[in-house]
Amino acid sequence: MEDSRWQDVGLEALADTAIVETLSALGLARAELSVLACDDARISVLNDDFRGKATPTNVLSWPEEDLSPEVDGAVPVPPQPDPTGSISLGDIAIAYDTCAREAAEQSKPLAAHVTHLLVHGVLHLLGYDHIRDHDATRMEALEVEILGKLGVPDPY
């Protein structure tokens, strides 16, 4: 937790809940991933380093392995455990300033917006994407389903 403002939001509990529910929705009992709770300055550097965009964003994700489907329109391939039985998904970074600003602009509770972005980030780690329309439709429907189970209204 690089930015202490995340403690006031209860990010650790929000992340635990969002991650467990997302994994459960996809039939995974458990997996390992890390979440970097940072500010806009830090995520801007990461966004530039990894995407060539020197601007802040709300959430970034780095999958441990590419689980994207090889066939256009197919569902992502579920991750397979390593020989020890562990599943390592990757890393997520989330920026307080952008998340807080977006929540205020959209008149949403910050906790609900952050929960949505965490679910979104985990789905990216699991091979889901929103580049093509049909993939975006699938990913958004899954997000809405997961968020509904958590009592978070449809963000779309």
N, C-alpha and C. Protein backbone atom coordinates (compact mmCIF):
# COMPACT_ATOMS: atom_id res chain seq x y z
N MET A 1 0.85 -1.17 0.00
CA MET A 1 0.00 0.00 0.00
C MET A 1 0.90 1.23 0.00
N GLU A 2 1.11 1.79 -1.18
CA GLU A 2 1.97 2.96 -1.32
C GLU A 2 1.26 4.25 -0.92
N ASP A 3 -0.05 4.30 -1.08
CA ASP A 3 -0.82 5.51 -0.75
C ASP A 3 -1.73 5.19 0.42
N SER A 4 -1.48 5.84 1.54
CA SER A 4 -2.22 5.53 2.77
C SER A 4 -3.70 5.90 2.70
N ARG A 5 -4.11 6.72 1.74
CA ARG A 5 -5.54 7.06 1.61
C ARG A 5 -6.38 5.82 1.34
N TRP A 6 -5.76 4.78 0.77
CA TRP A 6 -6.48 3.54 0.50
C TRP A 6 -6.94 2.86 1.79
N GLN A 7 -6.21 3.08 2.87
CA GLN A 7 -6.62 2.48 4.15
C GLN A 7 -7.98 3.01 4.59
N ASP A 8 -8.24 4.30 4.35
CA ASP A 8 -9.53 4.89 4.73
C ASP A 8 -10.68 4.30 3.92
N VAL A 9 -10.39 3.82 2.73
CA VAL A 9 -11.41 3.22 1.87
C VAL A 9 -11.64 1.75 2.24
N GLY A 10 -10.69 1.17 2.96
CA GLY A 10 -10.78 -0.25 3.29
C GLY A 10 -10.43 -1.12 2.11
N LEU A 11 -9.40 -0.71 1.36
CA LEU A 11 -9.04 -1.41 0.13
C LEU A 11 -8.74 -2.88 0.35
N GLU A 12 -8.07 -3.22 1.41
CA GLU A 12 -7.72 -4.63 1.62
C GLU A 12 -8.96 -5.51 1.68
N ALA A 13 -9.97 -5.09 2.42
CA ALA A 13 -11.21 -5.86 2.52
C ALA A 13 -11.96 -5.86 1.19
N LEU A 14 -12.00 -4.71 0.51
CA LEU A 14 -12.66 -4.64 -0.80
C LEU A 14 -11.98 -5.58 -1.80
N ALA A 15 -10.64 -5.57 -1.78
CA ALA A 15 -9.90 -6.43 -2.71
C ALA A 15 -10.15 -7.90 -2.40
N ASP A 16 -10.08 -8.27 -1.14
CA ASP A 16 -10.33 -9.67 -0.77
C ASP A 16 -11.69 -10.13 -1.27
N THR A 17 -12.71 -9.33 -1.02
CA THR A 17 -14.07 -9.69 -1.42
C THR A 17 -14.21 -9.76 -2.93
N ALA A 18 -13.72 -8.74 -3.64
CA ALA A 18 -13.84 -8.70 -5.10
C ALA A 18 -13.08 -9.85 -5.75
N ILE A 19 -11.89 -10.13 -5.25
CA ILE A 19 -11.07 -11.18 -5.84
C ILE A 19 -11.69 -12.55 -5.61
N VAL A 20 -12.11 -12.82 -4.38
CA VAL A 20 -12.71 -14.12 -4.07
C VAL A 20 -13.97 -14.35 -4.89
N GLU A 21 -14.81 -13.33 -5.01
CA GLU A 21 -16.07 -13.48 -5.77
C GLU A 21 -15.79 -13.67 -7.26
N THR A 22 -14.79 -12.98 -7.79
CA THR A 22 -14.45 -13.12 -9.21
C THR A 22 -13.91 -14.52 -9.48
N LEU A 23 -13.01 -14.98 -8.64
CA LEU A 23 -12.47 -16.33 -8.81
C LEU A 23 -13.59 -17.37 -8.71
N SER A 24 -14.46 -17.20 -7.73
CA SER A 24 -15.56 -18.13 -7.53
C SER A 24 -16.48 -18.19 -8.75
N ALA A 25 -16.76 -17.02 -9.33
CA ALA A 25 -17.64 -16.97 -10.51
C ALA A 25 -17.07 -17.75 -11.67
N LEU A 26 -15.76 -17.90 -11.69
CA LEU A 26 -15.11 -18.62 -12.78
C LEU A 26 -14.66 -20.03 -12.38
N GLY A 27 -15.14 -20.48 -11.21
CA GLY A 27 -14.88 -21.84 -10.78
C GLY A 27 -13.49 -22.07 -10.22
N LEU A 28 -12.83 -21.00 -9.77
CA LEU A 28 -11.50 -21.14 -9.18
C LEU A 28 -11.61 -20.99 -7.67
N ALA A 29 -11.02 -21.94 -6.96
CA ALA A 29 -11.09 -21.91 -5.50
C ALA A 29 -10.17 -20.84 -4.92
N ARG A 30 -8.98 -20.74 -5.49
CA ARG A 30 -8.05 -19.73 -5.00
C ARG A 30 -6.94 -19.50 -6.02
N ALA A 31 -6.29 -18.36 -5.88
CA ALA A 31 -5.16 -18.03 -6.74
C ALA A 31 -4.37 -16.93 -6.04
N GLU A 32 -3.17 -16.72 -6.51
CA GLU A 32 -2.31 -15.68 -5.96
C GLU A 32 -2.22 -14.52 -6.93
N LEU A 33 -2.30 -13.31 -6.39
CA LEU A 33 -2.07 -12.10 -7.18
C LEU A 33 -1.71 -10.99 -6.21
N SER A 34 -1.14 -9.94 -6.75
CA SER A 34 -0.82 -8.80 -5.89
C SER A 34 -1.56 -7.58 -6.38
N VAL A 35 -1.85 -6.68 -5.42
CA VAL A 35 -2.51 -5.42 -5.73
C VAL A 35 -1.64 -4.30 -5.18
N LEU A 36 -1.25 -3.39 -6.06
CA LEU A 36 -0.50 -2.20 -5.67
C LEU A 36 -1.49 -1.05 -5.52
N ALA A 37 -1.61 -0.53 -4.31
CA ALA A 37 -2.50 0.60 -4.02
C ALA A 37 -1.67 1.87 -4.08
N CYS A 38 -1.80 2.60 -5.17
CA CYS A 38 -0.92 3.74 -5.40
C CYS A 38 -1.71 5.01 -5.70
N ASP A 39 -0.99 6.03 -6.14
CA ASP A 39 -1.60 7.30 -6.51
C ASP A 39 -1.42 7.53 -8.01
N ASP A 40 -1.92 8.66 -8.50
CA ASP A 40 -1.83 8.95 -9.93
C ASP A 40 -0.40 9.08 -10.43
N ALA A 41 0.48 9.65 -9.60
CA ALA A 41 1.87 9.82 -10.04
C ALA A 41 2.51 8.46 -10.33
N ARG A 42 2.31 7.52 -9.45
CA ARG A 42 2.91 6.18 -9.61
C ARG A 42 2.28 5.44 -10.79
N ILE A 43 0.96 5.48 -10.91
CA ILE A 43 0.32 4.72 -11.99
C ILE A 43 0.60 5.35 -13.35
N SER A 44 0.85 6.65 -13.37
CA SER A 44 1.22 7.32 -14.62
C SER A 44 2.55 6.79 -15.13
N VAL A 45 3.51 6.61 -14.22
CA VAL A 45 4.82 6.05 -14.59
C VAL A 45 4.64 4.62 -15.09
N LEU A 46 3.85 3.82 -14.38
CA LEU A 46 3.60 2.44 -14.80
C LEU A 46 2.91 2.39 -16.16
N ASN A 47 1.93 3.26 -16.35
CA ASN A 47 1.20 3.31 -17.62
C ASN A 47 2.15 3.68 -18.76
N ASP A 48 3.07 4.58 -18.51
CA ASP A 48 4.04 4.97 -19.52
C ASP A 48 5.01 3.82 -19.79
N ASP A 49 5.53 3.21 -18.73
CA ASP A 49 6.49 2.12 -18.88
C ASP A 49 5.92 0.93 -19.64
N PHE A 50 4.67 0.59 -19.37
CA PHE A 50 4.11 -0.65 -19.92
C PHE A 50 3.17 -0.45 -21.10
N ARG A 51 2.62 0.76 -21.24
CA ARG A 51 1.67 0.97 -22.33
C ARG A 51 2.03 2.17 -23.21
N GLY A 52 3.10 2.88 -22.84
CA GLY A 52 3.52 4.03 -23.61
C GLY A 52 2.57 5.22 -23.50
N LYS A 53 1.80 5.26 -22.41
CA LYS A 53 0.84 6.34 -22.18
C LYS A 53 1.20 7.02 -20.85
N ALA A 54 1.81 8.19 -20.93
CA ALA A 54 2.30 8.88 -19.73
C ALA A 54 1.19 9.67 -19.05
N THR A 55 0.08 8.99 -18.80
CA THR A 55 -1.05 9.62 -18.11
C THR A 55 -1.57 8.66 -17.05
N PRO A 56 -2.21 9.20 -16.02
CA PRO A 56 -2.79 8.30 -15.02
C PRO A 56 -4.00 7.57 -15.58
N THR A 57 -4.27 6.43 -15.00
CA THR A 57 -5.44 5.63 -15.32
C THR A 57 -5.96 5.05 -14.02
N ASN A 58 -7.13 4.45 -14.04
CA ASN A 58 -7.70 3.94 -12.79
C ASN A 58 -7.07 2.62 -12.35
N VAL A 59 -6.93 1.67 -13.28
CA VAL A 59 -6.40 0.35 -12.91
C VAL A 59 -5.58 -0.21 -14.07
N LEU A 60 -4.52 -0.91 -13.72
CA LEU A 60 -3.69 -1.62 -14.70
C LEU A 60 -3.54 -3.06 -14.23
N SER A 61 -3.33 -3.96 -15.17
CA SER A 61 -3.12 -5.35 -14.78
C SER A 61 -2.04 -5.97 -15.66
N TRP A 62 -1.27 -6.87 -15.03
CA TRP A 62 -0.21 -7.59 -15.70
C TRP A 62 -0.40 -9.08 -15.43
N PRO A 63 -0.95 -9.82 -16.38
CA PRO A 63 -1.16 -11.25 -16.16
C PRO A 63 0.17 -12.02 -16.11
N GLU A 64 0.20 -13.01 -15.26
CA GLU A 64 1.36 -13.89 -15.16
C GLU A 64 1.57 -14.63 -16.47
N GLU A 65 0.48 -15.06 -17.09
CA GLU A 65 0.55 -15.69 -18.40
C GLU A 65 -0.65 -15.25 -19.21
N ASP A 66 -0.50 -15.28 -20.52
CA ASP A 66 -1.59 -14.86 -21.40
C ASP A 66 -2.63 -15.96 -21.48
N LEU A 67 -3.79 -15.69 -20.90
CA LEU A 67 -4.89 -16.67 -20.91
C LEU A 67 -5.94 -16.31 -21.96
N SER A 68 -5.64 -15.33 -22.80
CA SER A 68 -6.58 -14.91 -23.84
C SER A 68 -6.82 -16.07 -24.80
N PRO A 69 -8.04 -16.18 -25.29
CA PRO A 69 -8.34 -17.26 -26.24
C PRO A 69 -7.61 -17.05 -27.56
N GLU A 70 -7.19 -18.15 -28.16
CA GLU A 70 -6.51 -18.07 -29.45
C GLU A 70 -7.51 -17.89 -30.59
N VAL A 71 -8.74 -18.30 -30.37
CA VAL A 71 -9.78 -18.19 -31.39
C VAL A 71 -10.64 -16.98 -31.08
N ASP A 72 -10.83 -16.12 -32.07
CA ASP A 72 -11.64 -14.92 -31.89
C ASP A 72 -13.03 -15.27 -31.37
N GLY A 73 -13.43 -14.63 -30.29
CA GLY A 73 -14.76 -14.84 -29.71
C GLY A 73 -14.84 -15.98 -28.71
N ALA A 74 -13.76 -16.73 -28.54
CA ALA A 74 -13.77 -17.85 -27.60
C ALA A 74 -13.63 -17.34 -26.16
N VAL A 75 -14.02 -18.17 -25.23
CA VAL A 75 -13.88 -17.85 -23.81
C VAL A 75 -12.42 -18.08 -23.40
N PRO A 76 -11.86 -17.21 -22.54
CA PRO A 76 -10.47 -17.40 -22.10
C PRO A 76 -10.24 -18.78 -21.49
N VAL A 77 -9.03 -19.27 -21.67
CA VAL A 77 -8.63 -20.57 -21.14
C VAL A 77 -8.40 -20.44 -19.64
N PRO A 78 -9.01 -21.31 -18.82
CA PRO A 78 -8.79 -21.21 -17.37
C PRO A 78 -7.33 -21.48 -17.02
N PRO A 79 -6.81 -20.81 -16.00
CA PRO A 79 -5.42 -21.04 -15.61
C PRO A 79 -5.24 -22.42 -15.02
N GLN A 80 -4.05 -22.97 -15.22
CA GLN A 80 -3.73 -24.29 -14.69
C GLN A 80 -2.74 -24.12 -13.54
N PRO A 81 -2.93 -24.88 -12.47
CA PRO A 81 -1.98 -24.78 -11.36
C PRO A 81 -0.60 -25.28 -11.75
N ASP A 82 0.42 -24.73 -11.09
CA ASP A 82 1.77 -25.23 -11.31
C ASP A 82 1.94 -26.56 -10.57
N PRO A 83 3.09 -27.19 -10.63
CA PRO A 83 3.26 -28.50 -9.99
C PRO A 83 2.99 -28.52 -8.48
N THR A 84 3.07 -27.35 -7.83
CA THR A 84 2.78 -27.30 -6.39
C THR A 84 1.29 -27.11 -6.12
N GLY A 85 0.50 -26.92 -7.18
CA GLY A 85 -0.93 -26.70 -7.02
C GLY A 85 -1.32 -25.23 -6.94
N SER A 86 -0.35 -24.36 -7.05
CA SER A 86 -0.59 -22.92 -6.94
C SER A 86 -0.94 -22.32 -8.30
N ILE A 87 -1.81 -21.33 -8.28
CA ILE A 87 -2.14 -20.57 -9.49
C ILE A 87 -1.74 -19.13 -9.23
N SER A 88 -0.78 -18.64 -9.99
CA SER A 88 -0.34 -17.26 -9.88
C SER A 88 -0.91 -16.48 -11.05
N LEU A 89 -1.75 -15.49 -10.76
CA LEU A 89 -2.44 -14.75 -11.82
C LEU A 89 -1.67 -13.54 -12.32
N GLY A 90 -0.97 -12.82 -11.44
CA GLY A 90 -0.26 -11.63 -11.86
C GLY A 90 -0.45 -10.48 -10.90
N ASP A 91 -0.42 -9.28 -11.44
CA ASP A 91 -0.43 -8.07 -10.61
C ASP A 91 -1.45 -7.05 -11.12
N ILE A 92 -1.97 -6.29 -10.17
CA ILE A 92 -2.90 -5.19 -10.45
C ILE A 92 -2.37 -3.95 -9.74
N ALA A 93 -2.48 -2.80 -10.38
CA ALA A 93 -2.21 -1.51 -9.73
C ALA A 93 -3.47 -0.68 -9.84
N ILE A 94 -3.81 0.03 -8.77
CA ILE A 94 -5.01 0.85 -8.76
C ILE A 94 -4.65 2.22 -8.16
N ALA A 95 -5.11 3.29 -8.81
CA ALA A 95 -4.73 4.65 -8.44
C ALA A 95 -5.85 5.37 -7.69
N TYR A 96 -5.53 5.82 -6.50
CA TYR A 96 -6.52 6.47 -5.64
C TYR A 96 -7.11 7.72 -6.30
N ASP A 97 -6.26 8.62 -6.79
CA ASP A 97 -6.75 9.91 -7.29
C ASP A 97 -7.75 9.74 -8.43
N THR A 98 -7.39 8.91 -9.40
CA THR A 98 -8.29 8.70 -10.54
C THR A 98 -9.58 8.02 -10.10
N CYS A 99 -9.46 7.01 -9.26
CA CYS A 99 -10.66 6.30 -8.78
C CYS A 99 -11.60 7.25 -8.02
N ALA A 100 -11.04 8.05 -7.14
CA ALA A 100 -11.86 8.98 -6.35
C ALA A 100 -12.52 10.01 -7.26
N ARG A 101 -11.77 10.53 -8.24
CA ARG A 101 -12.33 11.52 -9.16
C ARG A 101 -13.46 10.90 -9.99
N GLU A 102 -13.23 9.71 -10.53
CA GLU A 102 -14.26 9.05 -11.36
C GLU A 102 -15.51 8.76 -10.55
N ALA A 103 -15.33 8.27 -9.34
CA ALA A 103 -16.50 7.97 -8.49
C ALA A 103 -17.31 9.24 -8.25
N ALA A 104 -16.64 10.34 -7.95
CA ALA A 104 -17.34 11.61 -7.72
C ALA A 104 -18.05 12.08 -8.99
N GLU A 105 -17.36 12.00 -10.13
CA GLU A 105 -17.95 12.44 -11.40
C GLU A 105 -19.17 11.59 -11.78
N GLN A 106 -19.15 10.31 -11.41
CA GLN A 106 -20.23 9.40 -11.76
C GLN A 106 -21.26 9.25 -10.63
N SER A 107 -21.08 10.04 -9.57
CA SER A 107 -21.99 10.00 -8.41
C SER A 107 -22.14 8.57 -7.86
N LYS A 108 -21.00 7.88 -7.74
CA LYS A 108 -20.98 6.52 -7.21
C LYS A 108 -20.22 6.52 -5.89
N PRO A 109 -20.58 5.63 -4.98
CA PRO A 109 -19.74 5.47 -3.80
C PRO A 109 -18.35 4.97 -4.23
N LEU A 110 -17.32 5.51 -3.63
CA LEU A 110 -15.95 5.11 -3.99
C LEU A 110 -15.75 3.61 -3.82
N ALA A 111 -16.27 3.03 -2.76
CA ALA A 111 -16.10 1.59 -2.53
C ALA A 111 -16.71 0.77 -3.67
N ALA A 112 -17.85 1.19 -4.19
CA ALA A 112 -18.49 0.46 -5.30
C ALA A 112 -17.65 0.57 -6.57
N HIS A 113 -17.14 1.77 -6.84
CA HIS A 113 -16.33 1.97 -8.04
C HIS A 113 -15.03 1.16 -7.96
N VAL A 114 -14.40 1.18 -6.80
CA VAL A 114 -13.16 0.44 -6.60
C VAL A 114 -13.41 -1.06 -6.72
N THR A 115 -14.50 -1.54 -6.16
CA THR A 115 -14.85 -2.96 -6.27
C THR A 115 -14.99 -3.34 -7.74
N HIS A 116 -15.68 -2.51 -8.51
CA HIS A 116 -15.84 -2.77 -9.94
C HIS A 116 -14.47 -2.84 -10.62
N LEU A 117 -13.59 -1.90 -10.33
CA LEU A 117 -12.29 -1.88 -10.99
C LEU A 117 -11.42 -3.07 -10.59
N LEU A 118 -11.56 -3.53 -9.36
CA LEU A 118 -10.83 -4.72 -8.94
C LEU A 118 -11.34 -5.96 -9.66
N VAL A 119 -12.64 -6.11 -9.78
CA VAL A 119 -13.22 -7.22 -10.54
C VAL A 119 -12.72 -7.14 -11.98
N HIS A 120 -12.76 -5.96 -12.55
CA HIS A 120 -12.31 -5.72 -13.92
C HIS A 120 -10.84 -6.14 -14.08
N GLY A 121 -10.00 -5.73 -13.14
CA GLY A 121 -8.58 -6.07 -13.20
C GLY A 121 -8.34 -7.57 -13.10
N VAL A 122 -9.06 -8.24 -12.21
CA VAL A 122 -8.90 -9.69 -12.06
C VAL A 122 -9.34 -10.39 -13.34
N LEU A 123 -10.41 -9.94 -13.95
CA LEU A 123 -10.85 -10.54 -15.21
C LEU A 123 -9.79 -10.39 -16.30
N HIS A 124 -9.12 -9.24 -16.32
CA HIS A 124 -8.01 -9.08 -17.27
C HIS A 124 -6.92 -10.11 -17.00
N LEU A 125 -6.60 -10.34 -15.73
CA LEU A 125 -5.58 -11.34 -15.40
C LEU A 125 -5.99 -12.73 -15.86
N LEU A 126 -7.30 -12.96 -15.93
CA LEU A 126 -7.84 -14.26 -16.32
C LEU A 126 -8.10 -14.38 -17.83
N GLY A 127 -7.61 -13.39 -18.59
CA GLY A 127 -7.70 -13.48 -20.04
C GLY A 127 -8.86 -12.77 -20.69
N TYR A 128 -9.69 -12.10 -19.91
CA TYR A 128 -10.82 -11.36 -20.48
C TYR A 128 -10.34 -9.99 -20.95
N ASP A 129 -10.98 -9.49 -22.01
CA ASP A 129 -10.60 -8.19 -22.54
C ASP A 129 -11.83 -7.51 -23.14
N HIS A 130 -11.66 -6.26 -23.54
CA HIS A 130 -12.78 -5.50 -24.07
C HIS A 130 -12.39 -4.72 -25.32
N ILE A 131 -11.41 -5.28 -26.05
CA ILE A 131 -10.97 -4.61 -27.27
C ILE A 131 -12.01 -4.75 -28.38
N ARG A 132 -12.48 -5.98 -28.60
CA ARG A 132 -13.53 -6.22 -29.60
C ARG A 132 -14.89 -6.17 -28.93
N ASP A 133 -15.89 -5.74 -29.67
CA ASP A 133 -17.23 -5.55 -29.12
C ASP A 133 -17.79 -6.80 -28.44
N HIS A 134 -17.66 -7.96 -29.08
CA HIS A 134 -18.23 -9.18 -28.49
C HIS A 134 -17.49 -9.57 -27.21
N ASP A 135 -16.18 -9.31 -27.16
CA ASP A 135 -15.43 -9.59 -25.94
C ASP A 135 -15.83 -8.61 -24.83
N ALA A 136 -16.03 -7.35 -25.20
CA ALA A 136 -16.46 -6.35 -24.22
C ALA A 136 -17.82 -6.70 -23.65
N THR A 137 -18.72 -7.15 -24.51
CA THR A 137 -20.06 -7.54 -24.06
C THR A 137 -19.97 -8.68 -23.06
N ARG A 138 -19.15 -9.69 -23.37
CA ARG A 138 -18.97 -10.83 -22.47
C ARG A 138 -18.36 -10.39 -21.14
N MET A 139 -17.32 -9.57 -21.20
CA MET A 139 -16.63 -9.14 -19.98
C MET A 139 -17.55 -8.28 -19.12
N GLU A 140 -18.27 -7.34 -19.73
CA GLU A 140 -19.16 -6.47 -18.98
C GLU A 140 -20.29 -7.26 -18.33
N ALA A 141 -20.84 -8.24 -19.03
CA ALA A 141 -21.91 -9.07 -18.45
C ALA A 141 -21.40 -9.83 -17.24
N LEU A 142 -20.19 -10.34 -17.33
CA LEU A 142 -19.60 -11.07 -16.21
C LEU A 142 -19.35 -10.13 -15.03
N GLU A 143 -18.87 -8.93 -15.32
CA GLU A 143 -18.67 -7.93 -14.26
C GLU A 143 -19.98 -7.61 -13.55
N VAL A 144 -21.03 -7.37 -14.33
CA VAL A 144 -22.34 -7.05 -13.76
C VAL A 144 -22.85 -8.19 -12.89
N GLU A 145 -22.67 -9.44 -13.35
CA GLU A 145 -23.09 -10.61 -12.58
C GLU A 145 -22.34 -10.69 -11.24
N ILE A 146 -21.03 -10.54 -11.30
CA ILE A 146 -20.20 -10.62 -10.08
C ILE A 146 -20.54 -9.49 -9.14
N LEU A 147 -20.63 -8.28 -9.67
CA LEU A 147 -20.94 -7.12 -8.83
C LEU A 147 -22.32 -7.25 -8.20
N GLY A 148 -23.27 -7.81 -8.93
CA GLY A 148 -24.61 -8.02 -8.39
C GLY A 148 -24.58 -8.92 -7.16
N LYS A 149 -23.74 -9.95 -7.20
CA LYS A 149 -23.60 -10.84 -6.04
C LYS A 149 -22.99 -10.12 -4.85
N LEU A 150 -22.26 -9.05 -5.13
CA LEU A 150 -21.63 -8.27 -4.06
C LEU A 150 -22.49 -7.07 -3.64
N GLY A 151 -23.68 -6.94 -4.25
CA GLY A 151 -24.56 -5.83 -3.90
C GLY A 151 -24.16 -4.50 -4.52
N VAL A 152 -23.32 -4.56 -5.57
CA VAL A 152 -22.88 -3.34 -6.26
C VAL A 152 -23.73 -3.19 -7.52
N PRO A 153 -24.36 -2.02 -7.71
CA PRO A 153 -25.20 -1.80 -8.88
C PRO A 153 -24.42 -1.89 -10.20
N ASP A 154 -25.13 -2.17 -11.28
CA ASP A 154 -24.58 -2.23 -12.62
C ASP A 154 -23.82 -0.93 -12.90
N PRO A 155 -22.52 -1.01 -13.15
CA PRO A 155 -21.74 0.21 -13.39
C PRO A 155 -21.90 0.78 -14.80
N TYR A 156 -22.56 0.01 -15.66
CA TYR A 156 -22.72 0.44 -17.04
C TYR A 156 -24.09 1.02 -17.27
